[in-house]
Amino acid sequence: MTLSPYAPIIGLFALAAAFALFSIASARLAGPRRYNKAKLEAYECGIEPSPQPVGGGRFPIKFYLTAMLFIVFDIEIIFLYPWAVSFDALPIFGFVEMVLFIVAVFVAYAYVWRRGGLDWD
């Protein structure tokens, strides 16, 4: 069995690993060595951060719902691009399938909207 078809992939992984190692090594060599309290604090736009519990604060579920909705509609766009590119080559079946897909996504959007998932308190 020959590995020649896999040579570009192995080379790409080797190049990515070499770049990662080079980036870490160069950051360690060229990075700052004098740390103080201001450099170790989280950046909060000039506002003093409010104290948090030891385990960290809890995020409201709205953040996660918004992220999941973004992912759903982002995936929809990913499916629309190949369809738009090959629209001329597809018969009417391709058009009907895409209309059904958009209707399904719109029903999900309407459901989330009706349930108040898009309201930000």
Protein backbone atom coordinates (compact mmCIF):
# COMPACT_ATOMS: atom_id res chain seq x y z
CA MET A 1 0.00 0.00 0.00
CA THR A 2 1.40 3.36 -0.98
CA LEU A 3 0.92 6.57 0.97
CA SER A 4 1.43 8.95 -1.95
CA PRO A 5 -2.24 10.05 -2.15
CA TYR A 6 -2.03 11.05 1.53
CA ALA A 7 1.23 12.98 1.22
CA PRO A 8 -0.43 16.41 0.76
CA ILE A 9 -2.66 15.87 3.79
CA ILE A 10 0.25 14.70 5.94
CA GLY A 11 2.29 17.66 4.70
CA LEU A 12 -0.53 20.04 5.60
CA PHE A 13 -0.78 18.60 9.12
CA ALA A 14 3.00 18.85 9.51
CA LEU A 15 2.94 22.47 8.32
CA ALA A 16 0.10 23.30 10.74
CA ALA A 17 1.95 21.66 13.65
CA ALA A 18 5.17 23.48 12.76
CA PHE A 19 3.31 26.80 12.59
CA ALA A 20 1.67 26.18 15.99
CA LEU A 21 4.97 25.27 17.61
CA PHE A 22 6.70 28.27 16.01
CA SER A 23 3.94 30.61 17.21
CA ILE A 24 4.15 29.34 20.78
CA ALA A 25 7.95 29.47 20.85
CA SER A 26 8.15 32.95 19.34
CA ALA A 27 5.50 34.28 21.74
CA ARG A 28 7.44 32.89 24.67
CA LEU A 29 10.69 34.46 23.40
CA ALA A 30 9.29 37.83 22.33
CA GLY A 31 6.51 38.24 24.87
CA PRO A 32 6.57 40.49 27.95
CA ARG A 33 8.30 39.19 31.04
CA ARG A 34 7.33 41.85 33.59
CA TYR A 35 3.85 41.16 34.85
CA ASN A 36 1.91 43.44 37.15
CA LYS A 37 -1.62 43.55 38.52
CA ALA A 38 -2.97 45.61 35.62
CA LYS A 39 -1.63 43.21 32.97
CA LEU A 40 -3.05 40.15 34.71
CA GLU A 41 -6.58 41.54 35.08
CA ALA A 42 -9.34 40.82 32.60
CA TYR A 43 -10.00 43.64 30.14
CA GLU A 44 -13.31 45.28 31.05
CA CYS A 45 -13.33 48.46 28.93
CA GLY A 46 -11.82 50.50 31.73
CA ILE A 47 -14.55 49.54 34.20
CA GLU A 48 -13.55 47.78 37.37
CA PRO A 49 -14.84 44.21 37.13
CA SER A 50 -17.49 43.32 39.68
CA PRO A 51 -16.60 40.50 42.07
CA GLN A 52 -17.71 37.07 40.92
CA PRO A 53 -18.26 33.90 42.93
CA VAL A 54 -15.33 31.51 43.15
CA GLY A 55 -16.84 29.08 40.63
CA GLY A 56 -17.69 31.86 38.20
CA GLY A 57 -21.02 33.45 37.45
CA ARG A 58 -23.93 31.75 35.77
CA PHE A 59 -25.08 32.94 32.36
CA PRO A 60 -28.78 33.27 31.63
CA ILE A 61 -30.19 30.63 29.28
CA LYS A 62 -31.01 33.39 26.74
CA PHE A 63 -27.33 33.54 25.75
CA TYR A 64 -27.33 29.86 24.80
CA LEU A 65 -30.68 30.06 23.01
CA THR A 66 -29.46 33.00 20.96
CA ALA A 67 -26.28 31.11 20.06
CA MET A 68 -28.24 28.04 18.99
CA LEU A 69 -30.60 30.13 16.87
CA PHE A 70 -27.63 31.78 15.21
CA ILE A 71 -26.17 28.36 14.41
CA VAL A 72 -29.47 27.11 12.95
CA PHE A 73 -29.83 30.06 10.60
CA ASP A 74 -26.12 30.00 9.76
CA ILE A 75 -26.47 26.37 8.69
CA GLU A 76 -29.45 27.36 6.57
CA ILE A 77 -27.28 29.84 4.68
CA ILE A 78 -24.63 27.17 4.19
CA PHE A 79 -27.24 24.98 2.49
CA LEU A 80 -28.50 27.85 0.35
CA TYR A 81 -25.12 28.66 -1.23
CA PRO A 82 -24.64 25.41 -3.22
CA TRP A 83 -28.27 25.51 -4.28
CA ALA A 84 -27.91 29.09 -5.56
CA VAL A 85 -24.72 28.23 -7.45
CA SER A 86 -26.24 25.23 -9.23
CA PHE A 87 -29.77 26.64 -9.62
CA ASP A 88 -29.65 26.53 -13.43
CA ALA A 89 -28.55 22.89 -13.46
CA LEU A 90 -31.27 21.68 -11.11
CA PRO A 91 -34.68 20.64 -12.41
CA ILE A 92 -37.92 21.72 -10.75
CA PHE A 93 -37.33 19.04 -8.10
CA GLY A 94 -34.39 21.03 -6.71
CA PHE A 95 -36.50 24.16 -6.51
CA VAL A 96 -39.34 22.36 -4.71
CA GLU A 97 -36.91 20.78 -2.23
CA MET A 98 -35.37 24.16 -1.42
CA VAL A 99 -38.80 25.76 -0.95
CA LEU A 100 -39.71 22.96 1.47
CA PHE A 101 -36.43 23.48 3.32
CA ILE A 102 -37.01 27.24 3.63
CA VAL A 103 -40.59 26.63 4.80
CA ALA A 104 -39.34 24.22 7.48
CA VAL A 105 -36.79 26.75 8.70
CA PHE A 106 -39.40 29.52 8.65
CA VAL A 107 -41.79 27.38 10.72
CA ALA A 108 -39.01 26.87 13.27
CA TYR A 109 -38.31 30.62 13.26
CA ALA A 110 -42.00 31.44 13.75
CA TYR A 111 -42.22 28.92 16.59
CA VAL A 112 -39.22 30.45 18.38
CA TRP A 113 -40.57 33.94 17.81
CA ARG A 114 -44.03 32.99 19.11
CA ARG A 115 -42.56 31.34 22.22
CA GLY A 116 -40.56 34.50 23.03
CA GLY A 117 -37.13 33.12 22.22
CA LEU A 118 -36.16 36.33 20.45
CA ASP A 119 -37.27 38.66 23.27
CA TRP A 120 -34.36 40.00 25.23
CA ASP A 121 -35.27 40.89 28.81
